[in-house]
């Protein structure tokens, strides 16, 4: 979740981060089928996140998603 927010500026729900984490893992990259894969699709969904808890976990208390503060 944090990687998605920091790199892509997209807030995703915890269960959506599982697919991204799997593809970024060393086990996935070591799989011989990885070399045959030209395109990989990952569904990233959002909306089931308490933003107050999310910002607090990132140390961004009081963070405004739209940068108005």
PDB file of N, CA and C in Angstrom:
ATOM      1  N   UNK A   1       0.821  -1.186   0.000  1.00  0.00           N
ATOM      2  CA  UNK A   1       0.000   0.000   0.000  1.00  0.00           C
ATOM      3  C   UNK A   1       0.864   1.248   0.000  1.00  0.00           C
ATOM      4  N   UNK A   2       1.872   1.225   0.839  1.00  0.00           N
ATOM      5  CA  UNK A   2       2.726   2.408   0.933  1.00  0.00           C
ATOM      6  C   UNK A   2       3.499   2.622  -0.365  1.00  0.00           C
ATOM      7  N   UNK A   3       3.996   1.549  -0.958  1.00  0.00           N
ATOM      8  CA  UNK A   3       4.725   1.639  -2.216  1.00  0.00           C
ATOM      9  C   UNK A   3       3.838   2.270  -3.292  1.00  0.00           C
ATOM     10  N   UNK A   4       2.609   1.812  -3.376  1.00  0.00           N
ATOM     11  CA  UNK A   4       1.674   2.359  -4.365  1.00  0.00           C
ATOM     12  C   UNK A   4       1.439   3.839  -4.130  1.00  0.00           C
ATOM     13  N   UNK A   5       1.288   4.230  -2.886  1.00  0.00           N
ATOM     14  CA  UNK A   5       1.047   5.641  -2.594  1.00  0.00           C
ATOM     15  C   UNK A   5       2.289   6.479  -2.898  1.00  0.00           C
ATOM     16  N   UNK A   6       3.454   6.004  -2.476  1.00  0.00           N
ATOM     17  CA  UNK A   6       4.673   6.793  -2.657  1.00  0.00           C
ATOM     18  C   UNK A   6       5.097   6.895  -4.121  1.00  0.00           C
ATOM     19  N   UNK A   7       4.948   5.821  -4.865  1.00  0.00           N
ATOM     20  CA  UNK A   7       5.401   5.810  -6.260  1.00  0.00           C
ATOM     21  C   UNK A   7       4.321   6.297  -7.224  1.00  0.00           C
ATOM     22  N   UNK A   8       3.115   5.729  -7.098  1.00  0.00           N
ATOM     23  CA  UNK A   8       2.049   6.018  -8.051  1.00  0.00           C
ATOM     24  C   UNK A   8       1.072   7.096  -7.585  1.00  0.00           C
ATOM     25  N   UNK A   9       1.171   7.502  -6.297  1.00  0.00           N
ATOM     26  CA  UNK A   9       0.232   8.454  -5.699  1.00  0.00           C
ATOM     27  C   UNK A   9      -1.201   7.940  -5.799  1.00  0.00           C
ATOM     28  N   UNK A  10      -1.361   6.637  -5.583  1.00  0.00           N
ATOM     29  CA  UNK A  10      -2.662   5.986  -5.613  1.00  0.00           C
ATOM     30  C   UNK A  10      -2.868   5.289  -4.272  1.00  0.00           C
ATOM     31  N   UNK A  11      -4.004   5.560  -3.633  1.00  0.00           N
ATOM     32  CA  UNK A  11      -4.335   4.893  -2.377  1.00  0.00           C
ATOM     33  C   UNK A  11      -5.143   3.643  -2.714  1.00  0.00           C
ATOM     34  N   UNK A  12      -4.636   2.493  -2.306  1.00  0.00           N
ATOM     35  CA  UNK A  12      -5.339   1.232  -2.554  1.00  0.00           C
ATOM     36  C   UNK A  12      -5.682   0.578  -1.225  1.00  0.00           C
ATOM     37  N   UNK A  13      -6.647  -0.322  -1.271  1.00  0.00           N
ATOM     38  CA  UNK A  13      -7.023  -1.028  -0.055  1.00  0.00           C
ATOM     39  C   UNK A  13      -6.040  -2.167   0.205  1.00  0.00           C
ATOM     40  N   UNK A  14      -5.957  -2.641   1.440  1.00  0.00           N
ATOM     41  CA  UNK A  14      -4.962  -3.662   1.801  1.00  0.00           C
ATOM     42  C   UNK A  14      -5.006  -4.912   0.930  1.00  0.00           C
ATOM     43  N   UNK A  15      -6.203  -5.415   0.626  1.00  0.00           N
ATOM     44  CA  UNK A  15      -6.274  -6.646  -0.170  1.00  0.00           C
ATOM     45  C   UNK A  15      -5.789  -6.428  -1.602  1.00  0.00           C
ATOM     46  N   UNK A  16      -5.844  -5.212  -2.107  1.00  0.00           N
ATOM     47  CA  UNK A  16      -5.365  -4.920  -3.452  1.00  0.00           C
ATOM     48  C   UNK A  16      -3.841  -4.955  -3.529  1.00  0.00           C
ATOM     49  N   UNK A  17      -3.187  -4.749  -2.407  1.00  0.00           N
ATOM     50  CA  UNK A  17      -1.723  -4.731  -2.386  1.00  0.00           C
ATOM     51  C   UNK A  17      -1.127  -6.130  -2.528  1.00  0.00           C
ATOM     52  N   UNK A  18      -1.921  -7.160  -2.328  1.00  0.00           N
ATOM     53  CA  UNK A  18      -1.407  -8.533  -2.376  1.00  0.00           C
ATOM     54  C   UNK A  18      -0.873  -8.888  -3.761  1.00  0.00           C
ATOM     55  N   UNK A  19      -1.615  -8.559  -4.806  1.00  0.00           N
ATOM     56  CA  UNK A  19      -1.165  -8.862  -6.172  1.00  0.00           C
ATOM     57  C   UNK A  19       0.120  -8.141  -6.525  1.00  0.00           C
ATOM     58  N   UNK A  20       0.223  -6.882  -6.152  1.00  0.00           N
ATOM     59  CA  UNK A  20       1.436  -6.097  -6.409  1.00  0.00           C
ATOM     60  C   UNK A  20       2.611  -6.672  -5.631  1.00  0.00           C
ATOM     61  N   UNK A  21       2.379  -7.017  -4.370  1.00  0.00           N
ATOM     62  CA  UNK A  21       3.448  -7.589  -3.543  1.00  0.00           C
ATOM     63  C   UNK A  21       3.943  -8.909  -4.132  1.00  0.00           C
ATOM     64  N   UNK A  22       3.033  -9.708  -4.642  1.00  0.00           N
ATOM     65  CA  UNK A  22       3.427 -10.991  -5.235  1.00  0.00           C
ATOM     66  C   UNK A  22       4.319 -10.786  -6.450  1.00  0.00           C
ATOM     67  N   UNK A  23       3.941  -9.863  -7.322  1.00  0.00           N
ATOM     68  CA  UNK A  23       4.724  -9.618  -8.540  1.00  0.00           C
ATOM     69  C   UNK A  23       6.080  -8.994  -8.224  1.00  0.00           C
ATOM     70  N   UNK A  24       6.160  -8.221  -7.164  1.00  0.00           N
ATOM     71  CA  UNK A  24       7.429  -7.586  -6.791  1.00  0.00           C
ATOM     72  C   UNK A  24       8.334  -8.495  -5.963  1.00  0.00           C
ATOM     73  N   UNK A  25       7.819  -9.653  -5.559  1.00  0.00           N
ATOM     74  CA  UNK A  25       8.594 -10.555  -4.696  1.00  0.00           C
ATOM     75  C   UNK A  25       9.706 -11.255  -5.467  1.00  0.00           C
ATOM     76  N   UNK A  26      10.749 -11.639  -4.746  1.00  0.00           N
ATOM     77  CA  UNK A  26      11.861 -12.377  -5.360  1.00  0.00           C
ATOM     78  C   UNK A  26      11.427 -13.754  -5.841  1.00  0.00           C
ATOM     79  N   UNK A  27      10.510 -14.399  -5.132  1.00  0.00           N
ATOM     80  CA  UNK A  27      10.028 -15.716  -5.562  1.00  0.00           C
ATOM     81  C   UNK A  27       9.387 -15.639  -6.938  1.00  0.00           C
ATOM     82  N   UNK A  28       8.632 -14.587  -7.193  1.00  0.00           N
ATOM     83  CA  UNK A  28       7.997 -14.423  -8.494  1.00  0.00           C
ATOM     84  C   UNK A  28       9.057 -14.203  -9.574  1.00  0.00           C
ATOM     85  N   UNK A  29      10.028 -13.368  -9.283  1.00  0.00           N
ATOM     86  CA  UNK A  29      11.064 -13.055 -10.275  1.00  0.00           C
ATOM     87  C   UNK A  29      11.984 -14.234 -10.552  1.00  0.00           C
ATOM     88  N   UNK A  30      12.128 -15.142  -9.577  1.00  0.00           N
ATOM     89  CA  UNK A  30      12.974 -16.324  -9.765  1.00  0.00           C
ATOM     90  C   UNK A  30      12.251 -17.441 -10.523  1.00  0.00           C
ATOM     91  N   UNK A  31      10.944 -17.343 -10.665  1.00  0.00           N
ATOM     92  CA  UNK A  31      10.159 -18.353 -11.364  1.00  0.00           C
ATOM     93  C   UNK A  31      10.524 -18.307 -12.854  1.00  0.00           C
ATOM     94  N   UNK A  32      10.843 -19.447 -13.463  1.00  0.00           N
ATOM     95  CA  UNK A  32      11.235 -19.449 -14.880  1.00  0.00           C
ATOM     96  C   UNK A  32      10.137 -18.938 -15.811  1.00  0.00           C
ATOM     97  N   UNK A  33       8.884 -19.026 -15.401  1.00  0.00           N
ATOM     98  CA  UNK A  33       7.804 -18.525 -16.246  1.00  0.00           C
ATOM     99  C   UNK A  33       7.809 -16.997 -16.335  1.00  0.00           C
ATOM    100  N   UNK A  34       8.443 -16.333 -15.379  1.00  0.00           N
ATOM    101  CA  UNK A  34       8.552 -14.869 -15.378  1.00  0.00           C
ATOM    102  C   UNK A  34       9.237 -14.389 -16.656  1.00  0.00           C
ATOM    103  N   UNK A  35      10.239 -15.128 -17.111  1.00  0.00           N
ATOM    104  CA  UNK A  35      10.981 -14.738 -18.313  1.00  0.00           C
ATOM    105  C   UNK A  35      10.104 -14.773 -19.561  1.00  0.00           C
ATOM    106  N   UNK A  36       9.056 -15.602 -19.541  1.00  0.00           N
ATOM    107  CA  UNK A  36       8.150 -15.713 -20.681  1.00  0.00           C
ATOM    108  C   UNK A  36       7.053 -14.648 -20.656  1.00  0.00           C
ATOM    109  N   UNK A  37       6.916 -13.956 -19.547  1.00  0.00           N
ATOM    110  CA  UNK A  37       5.824 -12.990 -19.379  1.00  0.00           C
ATOM    111  C   UNK A  37       6.229 -11.624 -19.918  1.00  0.00           C
ATOM    112  N   UNK A  38       5.501 -11.169 -20.920  1.00  0.00           N
ATOM    113  CA  UNK A  38       5.757  -9.838 -21.446  1.00  0.00           C
ATOM    114  C   UNK A  38       4.854  -8.801 -20.796  1.00  0.00           C
ATOM    115  N   UNK A  39       3.645  -9.200 -20.474  1.00  0.00           N
ATOM    116  CA  UNK A  39       2.674  -8.293 -19.864  1.00  0.00           C
ATOM    117  C   UNK A  39       2.027  -8.976 -18.674  1.00  0.00           C
ATOM    118  N   UNK A  40       1.884  -8.237 -17.601  1.00  0.00           N
ATOM    119  CA  UNK A  40       1.234  -8.745 -16.404  1.00  0.00           C
ATOM    120  C   UNK A  40       0.219  -7.702 -15.976  1.00  0.00           C
ATOM    121  N   UNK A  41      -0.997  -8.141 -15.716  1.00  0.00           N
ATOM    122  CA  UNK A  41      -2.041  -7.232 -15.244  1.00  0.00           C
ATOM    123  C   UNK A  41      -2.294  -7.450 -13.763  1.00  0.00           C
ATOM    124  N   UNK A  42      -2.418  -6.361 -13.026  1.00  0.00           N
ATOM    125  CA  UNK A  42      -2.731  -6.416 -11.607  1.00  0.00           C
ATOM    126  C   UNK A  42      -3.904  -5.466 -11.372  1.00  0.00           C
ATOM    127  N   UNK A  43      -4.935  -5.973 -10.727  1.00  0.00           N
ATOM    128  CA  UNK A  43      -6.089  -5.141 -10.410  1.00  0.00           C
ATOM    129  C   UNK A  43      -5.831  -4.459  -9.071  1.00  0.00           C
ATOM    130  N   UNK A  44      -5.819  -3.146  -9.074  1.00  0.00           N
ATOM    131  CA  UNK A  44      -5.638  -2.359  -7.858  1.00  0.00           C
ATOM    132  C   UNK A  44      -6.957  -1.648  -7.568  1.00  0.00           C
ATOM    133  N   UNK A  45      -7.563  -1.994  -6.453  1.00  0.00           N
ATOM    134  CA  UNK A  45      -8.825  -1.371  -6.091  1.00  0.00           C
ATOM    135  C   UNK A  45      -8.652  -0.546  -4.828  1.00  0.00           C
ATOM    136  N   UNK A  46      -9.530   0.371  -4.641  1.00  0.00           N
ATOM    137  CA  UNK A  46      -9.447   1.226  -3.464  1.00  0.00           C
ATOM    138  C   UNK A  46     -10.819   1.516  -2.905  1.00  0.00           C
ATOM    139  N   UNK A  47     -10.849   2.289  -1.890  1.00  0.00           N
ATOM    140  CA  UNK A  47     -12.109   2.692  -1.317  1.00  0.00           C
ATOM    141  C   UNK A  47     -12.400   2.091   0.042  1.00  0.00           C
ATOM    142  N   UNK A  48     -11.816   0.966   0.357  1.00  0.00           N
ATOM    143  CA  UNK A  48     -12.072   0.322   1.646  1.00  0.00           C
ATOM    144  C   UNK A  48     -10.919   0.631   2.599  1.00  0.00           C
ATOM    145  N   UNK A  49     -10.585   1.916   2.702  1.00  0.00           N
ATOM    146  CA  UNK A  49      -9.454   2.333   3.521  1.00  0.00           C
ATOM    147  C   UNK A  49      -9.892   3.498   4.407  1.00  0.00           C
ATOM    148  N   UNK A  50      -9.588   3.432   5.682  1.00  0.00           N
ATOM    149  CA  UNK A  50      -9.808   4.563   6.588  1.00  0.00           C
ATOM    150  C   UNK A  50      -8.598   5.472   6.427  1.00  0.00           C
ATOM    151  N   UNK A  51      -8.768   6.591   5.722  1.00  0.00           N
ATOM    152  CA  UNK A  51      -7.633   7.453   5.402  1.00  0.00           C
ATOM    153  C   UNK A  51      -6.941   8.001   6.641  1.00  0.00           C
ATOM    154  N   UNK A  52      -7.686   8.259   7.705  1.00  0.00           N
ATOM    155  CA  UNK A  52      -7.067   8.736   8.942  1.00  0.00           C
ATOM    156  C   UNK A  52      -6.074   7.725   9.483  1.00  0.00           C
ATOM    157  N   UNK A  53      -6.458   6.458   9.490  1.00  0.00           N
ATOM    158  CA  UNK A  53      -5.564   5.396   9.963  1.00  0.00           C
ATOM    159  C   UNK A  53      -4.396   5.225   8.997  1.00  0.00           C
ATOM    160  N   UNK A  54      -4.666   5.321   7.707  1.00  0.00           N
ATOM    161  CA  UNK A  54      -3.606   5.182   6.703  1.00  0.00           C
ATOM    162  C   UNK A  54      -2.547   6.264   6.882  1.00  0.00           C
ATOM    163  N   UNK A  55      -2.964   7.520   6.960  1.00  0.00           N
ATOM    164  CA  UNK A  55      -1.995   8.617   7.112  1.00  0.00           C
ATOM    165  C   UNK A  55      -1.229   8.476   8.424  1.00  0.00           C
ATOM    166  N   UNK A  56      -1.934   8.070   9.481  1.00  0.00           N
ATOM    167  CA  UNK A  56      -1.270   7.893  10.772  1.00  0.00           C
ATOM    168  C   UNK A  56      -0.199   6.810  10.683  1.00  0.00           C
ATOM    169  N   UNK A  57      -0.489   5.729   9.972  1.00  0.00           N
ATOM    170  CA  UNK A  57       0.488   4.639   9.853  1.00  0.00           C
ATOM    171  C   UNK A  57       1.710   5.071   9.034  1.00  0.00           C
ATOM    172  N   UNK A  58       1.526   6.054   8.150  1.00  0.00           N
ATOM    173  CA  UNK A  58       2.637   6.569   7.348  1.00  0.00           C
ATOM    174  C   UNK A  58       3.319   7.757   8.017  1.00  0.00           C
ATOM    175  N   UNK A  59       2.819   8.157   9.182  1.00  0.00           N
ATOM    176  CA  UNK A  59       3.385   9.318   9.862  1.00  0.00           C
ATOM    177  C   UNK A  59       2.955  10.627   9.239  1.00  0.00           C
ATOM    178  N   UNK A  60       1.792  10.628   8.595  1.00  0.00           N
ATOM    179  CA  UNK A  60       1.300  11.827   7.902  1.00  0.00           C
ATOM    180  C   UNK A  60       0.025  12.340   8.548  1.00  0.00           C
ATOM    181  N   UNK A  61      -0.017  12.429   9.873  1.00  0.00           N
ATOM    182  CA  UNK A  61      -1.205  12.903  10.556  1.00  0.00           C
ATOM    183  C   UNK A  61      -1.605  14.265  10.016  1.00  0.00           C
ATOM    184  N   UNK A  62      -2.892  14.424   9.777  1.00  0.00           N
ATOM    185  CA  UNK A  62      -3.399  15.699   9.287  1.00  0.00           C
ATOM    186  C   UNK A  62      -3.143  15.918   7.806  1.00  0.00           C
ATOM    187  N   UNK A  63      -2.662  14.902   7.096  1.00  0.00           N
ATOM    188  CA  UNK A  63      -2.370  15.028   5.667  1.00  0.00           C
ATOM    189  C   UNK A  63      -3.656  15.211   4.882  1.00  0.00           C
ATOM    190  N   UNK A  64      -3.652  16.132   3.963  1.00  0.00           N
ATOM    191  CA  UNK A  64      -4.795  16.358   3.098  1.00  0.00           C
ATOM    192  C   UNK A  64      -4.450  15.788   1.724  1.00  0.00           C
ATOM    193  N   UNK A  65      -5.251  14.860   1.254  1.00  0.00           N
ATOM    194  CA  UNK A  65      -4.989  14.182  -0.006  1.00  0.00           C
ATOM    195  C   UNK A  65      -4.839  15.162  -1.169  1.00  0.00           C
ATOM    196  N   UNK A  66      -5.515  16.303  -1.100  1.00  0.00           N
ATOM    197  CA  UNK A  66      -5.478  17.256  -2.190  1.00  0.00           C
ATOM    198  C   UNK A  66      -4.446  18.359  -2.003  1.00  0.00           C
ATOM    199  N   UNK A  67      -3.684  18.295  -0.926  1.00  0.00           N
ATOM    200  CA  UNK A  67      -2.595  19.242  -0.696  1.00  0.00           C
ATOM    201  C   UNK A  67      -3.037  20.662  -0.400  1.00  0.00           C
ATOM    202  N   UNK A  68      -4.239  20.808   0.157  1.00  0.00           N
ATOM    203  CA  UNK A  68      -4.764  22.146   0.437  1.00  0.00           C
ATOM    204  C   UNK A  68      -4.254  22.750   1.730  1.00  0.00           C
ATOM    205  N   UNK A  69      -3.534  21.974   2.581  1.00  0.00           N
ATOM    206  CA  UNK A  69      -3.121  22.547   3.860  1.00  0.00           C
ATOM    207  C   UNK A  69      -1.672  22.863   3.898  1.00  0.00           C
TER     208      UNK A  69
END
